[in-house]
Amino acid sequence: MLYIIGGGSRCGKTTSANKMLKEKNIPYFSLDYLMMGIANGIPEFGVYPTEGDYITAQRMWKIVNPLMTAMVENRIDYTIEGVQVVPSYMAQFAQKHPGKVKSCFIGLADIDVKLSVEQIKFYSSQTENDGFKHLTHTEIVHQIERIKADSLKIRQECLRYHLKYFESSGDFNKTIDSVVAYLIES
């Protein structure tokens, strides 16, 4: 089974994938690594990580689709996670591979931007490679507003395509547990 976790930045995709690995021994791959490899190694491909998740997802789908297709065809149990997967593409992909793919999306559509800035500053200071670590207050606010807008769009598309959406702006750990439980249930 191929498990796909899409959604907005900082919503819990990697945390969910890590939990799948630890609890169910299902390895995962973060599409961020592929994105950075393409952006830095093949600049002519036109993938720019700062351009926006939906634009990046559209450009990367030319690679992500055959990568996931190969995994499905080879019957590899694997989790793929990343902002580079959007609901419209996943709906089409799952339709082509019935019973072989299970996906969900995580977002922060209900996040309180003002309350979240201080939390992000705190957690960013605790993590060595956090991209928010060196941002100003204004830049963090801008990023949270972008994440919220992306999450609203993702939630709307999940409704449109009948895909599972999880909101992680409340009890984050409970949301992660719900994501994993949803993905591994029969």
Protein backbone atom coordinates (compact mmCIF):
# COMPACT_ATOMS: atom_id res chain seq x y z
CA MET A 1 0.00 0.00 0.00
CA LEU A 2 1.20 3.48 -0.80
CA TYR A 3 0.32 6.00 1.88
CA ILE A 4 0.27 9.67 0.90
CA ILE A 5 0.26 12.54 3.39
CA GLY A 6 -0.19 15.94 1.80
CA GLY A 7 -1.02 19.30 3.21
CA GLY A 8 0.30 22.67 4.22
CA SER A 9 3.68 23.52 5.64
CA ARG A 10 4.22 22.85 9.35
CA CYS A 11 0.97 20.90 9.67
CA GLY A 12 2.35 17.53 10.81
CA LYS A 13 3.08 15.58 7.62
CA THR A 14 6.61 14.55 8.58
CA THR A 15 5.59 13.90 12.18
CA SER A 16 2.83 11.59 10.93
CA ALA A 17 5.21 9.80 8.55
CA ASN A 18 7.73 9.36 11.38
CA LYS A 19 5.02 7.85 13.56
CA MET A 20 4.09 5.44 10.74
CA LEU A 21 7.74 4.40 10.57
CA LYS A 22 8.12 3.92 14.32
CA GLU A 23 4.80 2.19 14.96
CA LYS A 24 4.21 0.24 11.73
CA ASN A 25 7.73 0.00 10.27
CA ILE A 26 6.56 1.68 7.05
CA PRO A 27 9.40 3.77 5.61
CA TYR A 28 8.73 7.22 4.27
CA PHE A 29 10.13 9.73 1.85
CA SER A 30 9.76 13.48 2.14
CA LEU A 31 9.18 15.14 -1.21
CA ASP A 32 11.05 18.17 0.16
CA TYR A 33 14.30 16.30 -0.53
CA LEU A 34 13.30 15.65 -4.12
CA MET A 35 12.20 19.28 -4.51
CA MET A 36 15.51 20.63 -3.21
CA GLY A 37 17.46 18.19 -5.41
CA ILE A 38 15.58 19.39 -8.47
CA ALA A 39 15.75 23.07 -7.48
CA ASN A 40 19.49 22.98 -6.84
CA GLY A 41 20.54 20.28 -9.31
CA ILE A 42 18.29 20.93 -12.31
CA PRO A 43 17.39 24.64 -12.17
CA GLU A 44 16.15 24.55 -15.76
CA PHE A 45 13.23 22.40 -14.55
CA GLY A 46 11.77 25.54 -12.97
CA VAL A 47 11.13 24.30 -9.44
CA TYR A 48 11.59 27.11 -6.93
CA PRO A 49 10.81 26.16 -3.31
CA THR A 50 9.79 29.71 -2.39
CA GLU A 51 7.38 30.10 -5.30
CA GLY A 52 4.42 28.52 -3.53
CA ASP A 53 3.27 25.02 -2.76
CA TYR A 54 0.63 24.71 -5.48
CA ILE A 55 2.91 25.96 -8.26
CA THR A 56 5.71 23.71 -7.03
CA ALA A 57 3.33 20.75 -6.85
CA GLN A 58 2.23 21.29 -10.45
CA ARG A 59 5.82 21.38 -11.71
CA MET A 60 6.93 18.40 -9.63
CA TRP A 61 3.95 16.20 -10.53
CA LYS A 62 5.77 15.21 -13.74
CA ILE A 63 8.27 13.40 -11.51
CA VAL A 64 6.17 12.54 -8.44
CA ASN A 65 3.45 10.76 -10.45
CA PRO A 66 5.79 8.20 -12.10
CA LEU A 67 7.73 7.78 -8.84
CA MET A 68 4.55 6.85 -6.97
CA THR A 69 3.31 4.76 -9.91
CA ALA A 70 6.49 2.66 -9.78
CA MET A 71 6.00 2.12 -6.05
CA VAL A 72 2.40 1.02 -6.55
CA GLU A 73 3.32 -1.29 -9.42
CA ASN A 74 6.12 -2.85 -7.36
CA ARG A 75 3.78 -3.27 -4.37
CA ILE A 76 6.04 -1.36 -2.03
CA ASP A 77 4.58 -0.34 1.31
CA TYR A 78 5.75 3.22 1.64
CA THR A 79 4.67 6.62 2.87
CA ILE A 80 5.19 9.71 0.74
CA GLU A 81 4.73 13.07 2.40
CA GLY A 82 4.99 16.62 1.22
CA VAL A 83 3.37 19.91 0.37
CA GLN A 84 4.01 18.97 -3.25
CA VAL A 85 0.96 16.69 -3.33
CA VAL A 86 -2.38 18.38 -3.87
CA PRO A 87 -5.88 16.88 -3.58
CA SER A 88 -6.81 17.15 -7.27
CA TYR A 89 -3.75 15.14 -8.32
CA MET A 90 -4.26 12.57 -5.56
CA ALA A 91 -7.89 12.02 -6.54
CA GLN A 92 -6.82 11.23 -10.11
CA PHE A 93 -3.92 9.06 -8.94
CA ALA A 94 -6.09 7.03 -6.54
CA GLN A 95 -8.68 6.53 -9.28
CA LYS A 96 -5.98 5.01 -11.53
CA HIS A 97 -4.79 2.73 -8.71
CA PRO A 98 -7.90 1.63 -6.80
CA GLY A 99 -7.23 -0.12 -3.50
CA LYS A 100 -3.48 0.49 -3.71
CA VAL A 101 -3.26 4.05 -2.40
CA LYS A 102 -4.52 5.67 0.76
CA SER A 103 -4.13 9.42 1.17
CA CYS A 104 -5.04 12.22 3.50
CA PHE A 105 -4.23 15.87 3.96
CA ILE A 106 -3.35 17.92 7.01
CA GLY A 107 -3.83 21.65 7.36
CA LEU A 108 -3.94 24.69 9.58
CA ALA A 109 -7.04 26.33 8.14
CA ASP A 110 -8.36 27.27 11.59
CA ILE A 111 -5.08 28.57 13.01
CA ASP A 112 -5.07 31.77 15.03
CA VAL A 113 -2.23 33.69 13.37
CA LYS A 114 -1.50 36.02 16.31
CA LEU A 115 -1.34 33.22 18.88
CA SER A 116 0.79 31.01 16.64
CA VAL A 117 3.64 33.46 16.08
CA GLU A 118 5.05 33.10 19.60
CA GLN A 119 4.68 29.31 19.53
CA ILE A 120 6.53 29.12 16.22
CA LYS A 121 9.29 31.39 17.52
CA PHE A 122 9.69 29.11 20.55
CA TYR A 123 9.72 25.82 18.62
CA SER A 124 11.92 27.25 15.87
CA SER A 125 14.53 28.22 18.45
CA GLN A 126 14.55 24.59 19.69
CA THR A 127 15.26 23.09 16.25
CA GLU A 128 18.57 23.40 14.43
CA ASN A 129 17.36 23.42 10.81
CA ASP A 130 14.04 25.20 11.19
CA GLY A 131 13.43 27.52 8.25
CA PHE A 132 11.54 29.95 10.49
CA LYS A 133 14.39 30.27 13.00
CA HIS A 134 15.86 33.43 11.49
CA LEU A 135 12.67 35.10 10.29
CA THR A 136 11.46 38.37 11.72
CA HIS A 137 8.12 38.66 13.48
CA THR A 138 6.57 40.16 10.33
CA GLU A 139 7.99 37.41 8.12
CA ILE A 140 6.61 34.72 10.45
CA VAL A 141 3.16 36.36 10.37
CA HIS A 142 3.32 36.42 6.57
CA GLN A 143 4.29 32.73 6.44
CA ILE A 144 1.51 31.70 8.84
CA GLU A 145 -1.02 33.65 6.78
CA ARG A 146 0.24 31.82 3.65
CA ILE A 147 0.00 28.45 5.40
CA LYS A 148 -3.53 29.26 6.54
CA ALA A 149 -4.56 30.30 3.01
CA ASP A 150 -3.00 27.12 1.53
CA SER A 151 -4.75 25.01 4.18
CA LEU A 152 -8.12 26.60 3.41
CA LYS A 153 -7.61 25.74 -0.26
CA ILE A 154 -6.54 22.18 0.59
CA ARG A 155 -9.54 21.66 2.87
CA GLN A 156 -11.87 22.96 0.15
CA GLU A 157 -10.30 20.65 -2.47
CA CYS A 158 -10.51 17.68 -0.09
CA LEU A 159 -14.24 18.30 0.23
CA ARG A 160 -14.55 18.60 -3.55
CA TYR A 161 -12.68 15.35 -4.22
CA HIS A 162 -13.98 13.43 -1.19
CA LEU A 163 -10.56 13.10 0.42
CA LYS A 164 -9.83 12.98 4.15
CA TYR A 165 -8.68 16.26 5.73
CA PHE A 166 -7.31 16.67 9.25
CA GLU A 167 -7.08 20.03 11.01
CA SER A 168 -3.95 20.23 13.18
CA SER A 169 -4.37 23.72 14.65
CA GLY A 170 -6.02 22.30 17.78
CA ASP A 171 -4.56 19.30 19.58
CA PHE A 172 -1.56 18.58 17.35
CA ASN A 173 -0.61 15.23 18.90
CA LYS A 174 -4.18 13.96 18.79
CA THR A 175 -4.37 14.97 15.12
CA ILE A 176 -1.19 13.02 14.34
CA ASP A 177 -2.62 9.96 16.11
CA SER A 178 -5.82 10.33 14.05
CA VAL A 179 -3.88 10.61 10.78
CA VAL A 180 -1.91 7.43 11.49
CA ALA A 181 -5.00 5.54 12.64
CA TYR A 182 -6.86 6.58 9.51
CA LEU A 183 -4.05 5.53 7.17
CA ILE A 184 -3.43 2.11 8.69
CA GLU A 185 -7.06 1.06 9.22
CA SER A 186 -8.29 -1.51 6.74
